[in-house]
Structures are given as structure tokens and as C-alpha cells.
Amino acid sequence: TEGADSRDFSHVGIVYTHNDSIFVIEATGSKGVCITPLQ
């Protein structure tokens, strides 16, 4: 599947902000559904 801008993507997450910090809600093979710091 070709992604936007003809780029290749194999993962996606949702941005979530809390107390001025940015996180990503995602599902990963190692952790399942988790909340990850943006950096």
C-alpha cells in the first residue's frame, strides 16, 4: 500500500496532549496499546 506523498508507512499513532506534553496513543507489538512520549 502506497501512502500519502508516495511514501511508505508501516505504523500509525494518535496524538494526545496532557499538561502541555505531547504523547502518542499507539498499538505496538511489544507493548500492545500504550501511550508513548512524542520524542
All heavy atoms as atom14 arrays in JSON, in Angstrom:
{
  "sequence": "TEGADSRDFSHVGIVYTHNDSIFVIEATGSKGVCITPLQ",
  "atom14_mask": [
    [1, 1, 1, 1, 1, 1, 1, 0, 0, 0, 0, 0, 0, 0],
    [1, 1, 1, 1, 1, 1, 1, 1, 1, 0, 0, 0, 0, 0],
    [1, 1, 1, 1, 0, 0, 0, 0, 0, 0, 0, 0, 0, 0],
    [1, 1, 1, 1, 1, 0, 0, 0, 0, 0, 0, 0, 0, 0],
    [1, 1, 1, 1, 1, 1, 1, 1, 0, 0, 0, 0, 0, 0],
    [1, 1, 1, 1, 1, 1, 0, 0, 0, 0, 0, 0, 0, 0],
    [1, 1, 1, 1, 1, 1, 1, 1, 1, 1, 1, 0, 0, 0],
    [1, 1, 1, 1, 1, 1, 1, 1, 0, 0, 0, 0, 0, 0],
    [1, 1, 1, 1, 1, 1, 1, 1, 1, 1, 1, 0, 0, 0],
    [1, 1, 1, 1, 1, 1, 0, 0, 0, 0, 0, 0, 0, 0],
    [1, 1, 1, 1, 1, 1, 1, 1, 1, 1, 0, 0, 0, 0],
    [1, 1, 1, 1, 1, 1, 1, 0, 0, 0, 0, 0, 0, 0],
    [1, 1, 1, 1, 0, 0, 0, 0, 0, 0, 0, 0, 0, 0],
    [1, 1, 1, 1, 1, 1, 1, 1, 0, 0, 0, 0, 0, 0],
    [1, 1, 1, 1, 1, 1, 1, 0, 0, 0, 0, 0, 0, 0],
    [1, 1, 1, 1, 1, 1, 1, 1, 1, 1, 1, 1, 0, 0],
    [1, 1, 1, 1, 1, 1, 1, 0, 0, 0, 0, 0, 0, 0],
    [1, 1, 1, 1, 1, 1, 1, 1, 1, 1, 0, 0, 0, 0],
    [1, 1, 1, 1, 1, 1, 1, 1, 0, 0, 0, 0, 0, 0],
    [1, 1, 1, 1, 1, 1, 1, 1, 0, 0, 0, 0, 0, 0],
    [1, 1, 1, 1, 1, 1, 0, 0, 0, 0, 0, 0, 0, 0],
    [1, 1, 1, 1, 1, 1, 1, 1, 0, 0, 0, 0, 0, 0],
    [1, 1, 1, 1, 1, 1, 1, 1, 1, 1, 1, 0, 0, 0],
    [1, 1, 1, 1, 1, 1, 1, 0, 0, 0, 0, 0, 0, 0],
    [1, 1, 1, 1, 1, 1, 1, 1, 0, 0, 0, 0, 0, 0],
    [1, 1, 1, 1, 1, 1, 1, 1, 1, 0, 0, 0, 0, 0],
    [1, 1, 1, 1, 1, 0, 0, 0, 0, 0, 0, 0, 0, 0],
    [1, 1, 1, 1, 1, 1, 1, 0, 0, 0, 0, 0, 0, 0],
    [1, 1, 1, 1, 0, 0, 0, 0, 0, 0, 0, 0, 0, 0],
    [1, 1, 1, 1, 1, 1, 0, 0, 0, 0, 0, 0, 0, 0],
    [1, 1, 1, 1, 1, 1, 1, 1, 1, 0, 0, 0, 0, 0],
    [1, 1, 1, 1, 0, 0, 0, 0, 0, 0, 0, 0, 0, 0],
    [1, 1, 1, 1, 1, 1, 1, 0, 0, 0, 0, 0, 0, 0],
    [1, 1, 1, 1, 1, 1, 0, 0, 0, 0, 0, 0, 0, 0],
    [1, 1, 1, 1, 1, 1, 1, 1, 0, 0, 0, 0, 0, 0],
    [1, 1, 1, 1, 1, 1, 1, 0, 0, 0, 0, 0, 0, 0],
    [1, 1, 1, 1, 1, 1, 1, 0, 0, 0, 0, 0, 0, 0],
    [1, 1, 1, 1, 1, 1, 1, 1, 0, 0, 0, 0, 0, 0],
    [1, 1, 1, 1, 1, 1, 1, 1, 1, 0, 0, 0, 0, 0]
  ],
  "atom14_positions": [
    [[0.83, -1.2, 0.0], [0.0, 0.0, 0.0], [0.87, 1.25, 0.0], [1.68, 1.45, 0.9], [-0.94, 0.05, 1.24], [-1.7, -1.14, 1.28], [-1.88, 1.24, 1.14], [0.0, 0.0, 0.0], [0.0, 0.0, 0.0], [0.0, 0.0, 0.0], [0.0, 0.0, 0.0], [0.0, 0.0, 0.0], [0.0, 0.0, 0.0], [0.0, 0.0, 0.0]],
    [[0.65, 2.09, -1.0], [1.39, 3.35, -1.07], [0.71, 4.38, -0.17], [-0.5, 4.51, -0.15], [1.42, 3.85, -2.51], [2.27, 5.09, -2.71], [2.36, 5.48, -4.18], [1.36, 6.0, -4.71], [3.42, 5.24, -4.78], [0.0, 0.0, 0.0], [0.0, 0.0, 0.0], [0.0, 0.0, 0.0], [0.0, 0.0, 0.0], [0.0, 0.0, 0.0]],
    [[1.53, 5.12, 0.57], [1.0, 6.14, 1.46], [0.95, 7.51, 0.82], [1.3, 7.69, -0.36], [0.0, 0.0, 0.0], [0.0, 0.0, 0.0], [0.0, 0.0, 0.0], [0.0, 0.0, 0.0], [0.0, 0.0, 0.0], [0.0, 0.0, 0.0], [0.0, 0.0, 0.0], [0.0, 0.0, 0.0], [0.0, 0.0, 0.0], [0.0, 0.0, 0.0]],
    [[0.53, 8.5, 1.59], [0.5, 9.88, 1.13], [1.89, 10.31, 0.69], [2.91, 9.84, 1.21], [0.0, 10.79, 2.26], [0.0, 0.0, 0.0], [0.0, 0.0, 0.0], [0.0, 0.0, 0.0], [0.0, 0.0, 0.0], [0.0, 0.0, 0.0], [0.0, 0.0, 0.0], [0.0, 0.0, 0.0], [0.0, 0.0, 0.0], [0.0, 0.0, 0.0]],
    [[1.95, 11.21, -0.27], [3.22, 11.71, -0.81], [4.05, 10.6, -1.45], [5.27, 10.72, -1.59], [4.08, 12.37, 0.27], [3.49, 13.66, 0.81], [2.52, 14.16, 0.2], [3.98, 14.17, 1.82], [0.0, 0.0, 0.0], [0.0, 0.0, 0.0], [0.0, 0.0, 0.0], [0.0, 0.0, 0.0], [0.0, 0.0, 0.0], [0.0, 0.0, 0.0]],
    [[3.39, 9.49, -1.81], [4.09, 8.33, -2.39], [5.13, 7.76, -1.44], [6.13, 7.18, -1.87], [4.74, 8.7, -3.74], [3.76, 9.1, -4.67], [0.0, 0.0, 0.0], [0.0, 0.0, 0.0], [0.0, 0.0, 0.0], [0.0, 0.0, 0.0], [0.0, 0.0, 0.0], [0.0, 0.0, 0.0], [0.0, 0.0, 0.0], [0.0, 0.0, 0.0]],
    [[4.9, 7.93, -0.14], [5.83, 7.41, 0.86], [5.32, 6.1, 1.42], [4.18, 5.71, 1.2], [6.03, 8.44, 1.98], [6.54, 9.77, 1.45], [6.98, 10.69, 2.56], [7.26, 12.02, 2.05], [8.15, 12.85, 2.57], [8.87, 12.48, 3.6], [8.33, 14.06, 2.06], [0.0, 0.0, 0.0], [0.0, 0.0, 0.0], [0.0, 0.0, 0.0]],
    [[6.2, 5.43, 2.14], [5.87, 4.12, 2.7], [5.71, 4.23, 4.22], [6.59, 4.77, 4.9], [6.98, 3.12, 2.39], [7.13, 2.87, 0.91], [6.12, 2.86, 0.2], [8.28, 2.68, 0.46], [0.0, 0.0, 0.0], [0.0, 0.0, 0.0], [0.0, 0.0, 0.0], [0.0, 0.0, 0.0], [0.0, 0.0, 0.0], [0.0, 0.0, 0.0]],
    [[4.61, 3.71, 4.73], [4.36, 3.75, 6.16], [3.97, 2.37, 6.68], [3.2, 1.65, 6.04], [3.23, 4.74, 6.49], [3.51, 6.13, 6.0], [2.75, 6.69, 4.99], [4.56, 6.87, 6.51], [3.02, 7.96, 4.52], [4.85, 8.14, 6.05], [4.07, 8.69, 5.05], [0.0, 0.0, 0.0], [0.0, 0.0, 0.0], [0.0, 0.0, 0.0]],
    [[4.51, 2.03, 7.83], [4.19, 0.74, 8.43], [3.64, 0.89, 9.85], [3.41, -0.11, 10.53], [5.44, -0.15, 8.45], [6.57, 0.56, 8.92], [0.0, 0.0, 0.0], [0.0, 0.0, 0.0], [0.0, 0.0, 0.0], [0.0, 0.0, 0.0], [0.0, 0.0, 0.0], [0.0, 0.0, 0.0], [0.0, 0.0, 0.0], [0.0, 0.0, 0.0]],
    [[3.42, 2.12, 10.3], [2.91, 2.33, 11.66], [2.17, 3.66, 11.72], [2.43, 4.58, 10.93], [4.06, 2.34, 12.66], [3.61, 2.36, 14.09], [2.79, 1.4, 14.63], [3.86, 3.26, 15.1], [2.57, 1.67, 15.9], [3.19, 2.79, 16.21], [0.0, 0.0, 0.0], [0.0, 0.0, 0.0], [0.0, 0.0, 0.0], [0.0, 0.0, 0.0]],
    [[1.22, 3.75, 12.65], [0.46, 4.99, 12.85], [0.03, 5.09, 14.31], [-0.21, 4.07, 14.98], [-0.78, 5.04, 11.92], [-1.73, 3.88, 12.2], [-1.53, 6.37, 12.05], [0.0, 0.0, 0.0], [0.0, 0.0, 0.0], [0.0, 0.0, 0.0], [0.0, 0.0, 0.0], [0.0, 0.0, 0.0], [0.0, 0.0, 0.0], [0.0, 0.0, 0.0]],
    [[-0.02, 6.31, 14.84], [-0.49, 6.56, 16.19], [-1.28, 7.86, 16.24], [-1.26, 8.65, 15.29], [0.0, 0.0, 0.0], [0.0, 0.0, 0.0], [0.0, 0.0, 0.0], [0.0, 0.0, 0.0], [0.0, 0.0, 0.0], [0.0, 0.0, 0.0], [0.0, 0.0, 0.0], [0.0, 0.0, 0.0], [0.0, 0.0, 0.0], [0.0, 0.0, 0.0]],
    [[-1.97, 8.09, 17.36], [-2.83, 9.26, 17.54], [-2.2, 10.2, 18.56], [-1.86, 9.78, 19.67], [-4.23, 8.86, 18.03], [-4.84, 7.75, 17.16], [-5.16, 10.08, 18.06], [-6.15, 7.2, 17.71], [0.0, 0.0, 0.0], [0.0, 0.0, 0.0], [0.0, 0.0, 0.0], [0.0, 0.0, 0.0], [0.0, 0.0, 0.0], [0.0, 0.0, 0.0]],
    [[-2.09, 11.47, 18.21], [-1.5, 12.46, 19.11], [-2.47, 12.77, 20.25], [-3.68, 12.94, 20.05], [-1.15, 13.75, 18.35], [-0.78, 14.88, 19.31], [-0.02, 13.48, 17.37], [0.0, 0.0, 0.0], [0.0, 0.0, 0.0], [0.0, 0.0, 0.0], [0.0, 0.0, 0.0], [0.0, 0.0, 0.0], [0.0, 0.0, 0.0], [0.0, 0.0, 0.0]],
    [[-1.9, 12.88, 21.45], [-2.67, 13.17, 22.67], [-1.82, 14.1, 23.53], [-0.65, 13.82, 23.8], [-2.97, 11.85, 23.39], [-3.3, 11.97, 24.85], [-4.46, 12.62, 25.27], [-2.47, 11.41, 25.82], [-4.77, 12.7, 26.62], [-2.77, 11.48, 27.16], [-3.93, 12.14, 27.56], [-4.23, 12.22, 28.9], [0.0, 0.0, 0.0], [0.0, 0.0, 0.0]],
    [[-2.4, 15.22, 23.95], [-1.65, 16.16, 24.78], [-2.18, 16.12, 26.22], [-3.38, 15.96, 26.46], [-1.75, 17.61, 24.25], [-3.14, 18.01, 24.2], [-1.17, 17.71, 22.85], [0.0, 0.0, 0.0], [0.0, 0.0, 0.0], [0.0, 0.0, 0.0], [0.0, 0.0, 0.0], [0.0, 0.0, 0.0], [0.0, 0.0, 0.0], [0.0, 0.0, 0.0]],
    [[-1.24, 16.26, 27.16], [-1.6, 16.25, 28.58], [-0.61, 17.11, 29.34], [0.6, 16.9, 29.27], [-1.57, 14.81, 29.11], [-1.93, 14.7, 30.56], [-3.21, 14.98, 31.04], [-1.19, 14.35, 31.64], [-3.23, 14.8, 32.34], [-2.01, 14.42, 32.73], [0.0, 0.0, 0.0], [0.0, 0.0, 0.0], [0.0, 0.0, 0.0], [0.0, 0.0, 0.0]],
    [[-1.15, 18.12, 30.03], [-0.29, 19.04, 30.81], [0.85, 19.62, 29.96], [2.01, 19.63, 30.38], [0.29, 18.33, 32.04], [-0.78, 18.0, 33.06], [-1.85, 18.61, 33.09], [-0.51, 17.02, 33.91], [0.0, 0.0, 0.0], [0.0, 0.0, 0.0], [0.0, 0.0, 0.0], [0.0, 0.0, 0.0], [0.0, 0.0, 0.0], [0.0, 0.0, 0.0]],
    [[0.5, 20.05, 28.76], [1.46, 20.67, 27.83], [2.52, 19.71, 27.3], [3.48, 20.15, 26.66], [2.16, 21.87, 28.48], [1.2, 23.01, 28.78], [0.26, 23.2, 27.99], [1.38, 23.69, 29.81], [0.0, 0.0, 0.0], [0.0, 0.0, 0.0], [0.0, 0.0, 0.0], [0.0, 0.0, 0.0], [0.0, 0.0, 0.0], [0.0, 0.0, 0.0]],
    [[2.38, 18.43, 27.57], [3.28, 17.44, 26.99], [2.53, 16.66, 25.92], [1.31, 16.48, 25.99], [3.79, 16.47, 28.06], [4.6, 17.14, 29.01], [0.0, 0.0, 0.0], [0.0, 0.0, 0.0], [0.0, 0.0, 0.0], [0.0, 0.0, 0.0], [0.0, 0.0, 0.0], [0.0, 0.0, 0.0], [0.0, 0.0, 0.0], [0.0, 0.0, 0.0]],
    [[3.27, 16.22, 24.91], [2.65, 15.54, 23.77], [3.0, 14.07, 23.81], [4.16, 13.69, 23.97], [3.09, 16.17, 22.44], [2.77, 17.67, 22.43], [2.4, 15.47, 21.27], [3.24, 18.39, 21.16], [0.0, 0.0, 0.0], [0.0, 0.0, 0.0], [0.0, 0.0, 0.0], [0.0, 0.0, 0.0], [0.0, 0.0, 0.0], [0.0, 0.0, 0.0]],
    [[1.99, 13.24, 23.64], [2.14, 11.79, 23.64], [1.51, 11.22, 22.37], [0.81, 11.91, 21.64], [1.45, 11.18, 24.86], [2.01, 11.66, 26.18], [1.5, 12.82, 26.77], [3.03, 10.97, 26.82], [2.02, 13.27, 27.98], [3.55, 11.41, 28.02], [3.04, 12.57, 28.61], [0.0, 0.0, 0.0], [0.0, 0.0, 0.0], [0.0, 0.0, 0.0]],
    [[1.75, 9.94, 22.15], [1.15, 9.23, 21.02], [0.48, 7.97, 21.55], [1.13, 7.15, 22.22], [2.2, 8.86, 19.95], [1.52, 8.18, 18.76], [2.97, 10.09, 19.5], [0.0, 0.0, 0.0], [0.0, 0.0, 0.0], [0.0, 0.0, 0.0], [0.0, 0.0, 0.0], [0.0, 0.0, 0.0], [0.0, 0.0, 0.0], [0.0, 0.0, 0.0]],
    [[-0.81, 7.84, 21.31], [-1.52, 6.6, 21.66], [-1.34, 5.66, 20.48], [-1.69, 5.99, 19.34], [-3.01, 6.86, 21.93], [-3.2, 7.98, 22.96], [-3.68, 5.57, 22.42], [-4.66, 8.37, 23.16], [0.0, 0.0, 0.0], [0.0, 0.0, 0.0], [0.0, 0.0, 0.0], [0.0, 0.0, 0.0], [0.0, 0.0, 0.0], [0.0, 0.0, 0.0]],
    [[-0.81, 4.49, 20.75], [-0.47, 3.57, 19.66], [-0.61, 2.13, 20.12], [-0.72, 1.85, 21.32], [0.96, 3.82, 19.18], [2.0, 3.68, 20.29], [3.43, 3.88, 19.8], [3.66, 3.82, 18.58], [4.32, 4.06, 20.66], [0.0, 0.0, 0.0], [0.0, 0.0, 0.0], [0.0, 0.0, 0.0], [0.0, 0.0, 0.0], [0.0, 0.0, 0.0]],
    [[-0.62, 1.23, 19.16], [-0.6, -0.2, 19.45], [0.67, -0.77, 18.84], [0.89, -0.67, 17.63], [-1.83, -0.89, 18.85], [0.0, 0.0, 0.0], [0.0, 0.0, 0.0], [0.0, 0.0, 0.0], [0.0, 0.0, 0.0], [0.0, 0.0, 0.0], [0.0, 0.0, 0.0], [0.0, 0.0, 0.0], [0.0, 0.0, 0.0], [0.0, 0.0, 0.0]],
    [[1.53, -1.33, 19.69], [2.8, -1.87, 19.22], [2.91, -3.34, 19.56], [2.26, -3.83, 20.5], [3.99, -1.12, 19.86], [4.1, -1.48, 21.24], [3.83, 0.39, 19.74], [0.0, 0.0, 0.0], [0.0, 0.0, 0.0], [0.0, 0.0, 0.0], [0.0, 0.0, 0.0], [0.0, 0.0, 0.0], [0.0, 0.0, 0.0], [0.0, 0.0, 0.0]],
    [[3.76, -4.03, 18.81], [3.92, -5.46, 19.03], [4.5, -5.79, 20.38], [4.22, -6.84, 20.94], [0.0, 0.0, 0.0], [0.0, 0.0, 0.0], [0.0, 0.0, 0.0], [0.0, 0.0, 0.0], [0.0, 0.0, 0.0], [0.0, 0.0, 0.0], [0.0, 0.0, 0.0], [0.0, 0.0, 0.0], [0.0, 0.0, 0.0], [0.0, 0.0, 0.0]],
    [[5.3, -4.88, 20.94], [5.96, -5.17, 22.22], [5.13, -4.78, 23.44], [5.27, -5.38, 24.51], [7.31, -4.46, 22.28], [7.14, -3.05, 22.16], [0.0, 0.0, 0.0], [0.0, 0.0, 0.0], [0.0, 0.0, 0.0], [0.0, 0.0, 0.0], [0.0, 0.0, 0.0], [0.0, 0.0, 0.0], [0.0, 0.0, 0.0], [0.0, 0.0, 0.0]],
    [[4.25, -3.78, 23.29], [3.54, -3.26, 24.46], [2.01, -3.32, 24.33], [1.31, -3.04, 25.3], [3.95, -1.82, 24.73], [5.41, -1.66, 25.13], [5.73, -0.2, 25.44], [7.16, -0.02, 25.87], [7.47, 1.41, 26.16], [0.0, 0.0, 0.0], [0.0, 0.0, 0.0], [0.0, 0.0, 0.0], [0.0, 0.0, 0.0], [0.0, 0.0, 0.0]],
    [[1.5, -3.65, 23.17], [0.06, -3.55, 22.98], [-0.35, -2.09, 22.89], [0.43, -1.25, 22.44], [0.0, 0.0, 0.0], [0.0, 0.0, 0.0], [0.0, 0.0, 0.0], [0.0, 0.0, 0.0], [0.0, 0.0, 0.0], [0.0, 0.0, 0.0], [0.0, 0.0, 0.0], [0.0, 0.0, 0.0], [0.0, 0.0, 0.0], [0.0, 0.0, 0.0]],
    [[-1.54, -1.77, 23.35], [-1.99, -0.38, 23.31], [-1.31, 0.37, 24.45], [-1.43, 0.0, 25.62], [-3.52, -0.27, 23.43], [-3.96, 1.2, 23.38], [-4.21, -1.05, 22.3], [0.0, 0.0, 0.0], [0.0, 0.0, 0.0], [0.0, 0.0, 0.0], [0.0, 0.0, 0.0], [0.0, 0.0, 0.0], [0.0, 0.0, 0.0], [0.0, 0.0, 0.0]],
    [[-0.61, 1.43, 24.09], [0.18, 2.16, 25.08], [0.21, 3.64, 24.73], [-0.18, 4.05, 23.63], [1.61, 1.61, 25.15], [2.5, 1.64, 23.58], [0.0, 0.0, 0.0], [0.0, 0.0, 0.0], [0.0, 0.0, 0.0], [0.0, 0.0, 0.0], [0.0, 0.0, 0.0], [0.0, 0.0, 0.0], [0.0, 0.0, 0.0], [0.0, 0.0, 0.0]],
    [[0.67, 4.45, 25.68], [0.8, 5.89, 25.47], [2.28, 6.23, 25.56], [2.92, 6.02, 26.59], [-0.03, 6.67, 26.5], [-1.51, 6.3, 26.36], [0.17, 8.18, 26.31], [-2.43, 6.97, 27.37], [0.0, 0.0, 0.0], [0.0, 0.0, 0.0], [0.0, 0.0, 0.0], [0.0, 0.0, 0.0], [0.0, 0.0, 0.0], [0.0, 0.0, 0.0]],
    [[2.82, 6.74, 24.46], [4.26, 6.93, 24.29], [4.61, 8.41, 24.2], [3.95, 9.15, 23.46], [4.73, 6.23, 23.0], [4.35, 4.85, 23.05], [6.23, 6.35, 22.81], [0.0, 0.0, 0.0], [0.0, 0.0, 0.0], [0.0, 0.0, 0.0], [0.0, 0.0, 0.0], [0.0, 0.0, 0.0], [0.0, 0.0, 0.0], [0.0, 0.0, 0.0]],
    [[5.62, 8.89, 24.9], [6.05, 10.28, 24.72], [6.42, 10.54, 23.26], [7.02, 9.68, 22.59], [7.29, 10.38, 25.63], [7.07, 9.34, 26.67], [6.4, 8.2, 25.96], [0.0, 0.0, 0.0], [0.0, 0.0, 0.0], [0.0, 0.0, 0.0], [0.0, 0.0, 0.0], [0.0, 0.0, 0.0], [0.0, 0.0, 0.0], [0.0, 0.0, 0.0]],
    [[6.05, 11.71, 22.78], [6.28, 12.04, 21.37], [7.73, 11.84, 20.96], [8.01, 11.28, 19.9], [5.86, 13.49, 21.09], [6.18, 14.01, 19.68], [5.41, 13.24, 18.62], [5.89, 15.5, 19.58], [0.0, 0.0, 0.0], [0.0, 0.0, 0.0], [0.0, 0.0, 0.0], [0.0, 0.0, 0.0], [0.0, 0.0, 0.0], [0.0, 0.0, 0.0]],
    [[8.68, 12.32, 21.79], [10.08, 12.22, 21.4], [10.51, 10.77, 21.22], [11.27, 10.45, 20.29], [10.98, 12.92, 22.43], [12.39, 13.2, 21.92], [12.38, 14.1, 20.69], [11.79, 15.18, 20.69], [13.03, 13.64, 19.62], [0.0, 0.0, 0.0], [0.0, 0.0, 0.0], [0.0, 0.0, 0.0], [0.0, 0.0, 0.0], [0.0, 0.0, 0.0]]
  ]
}
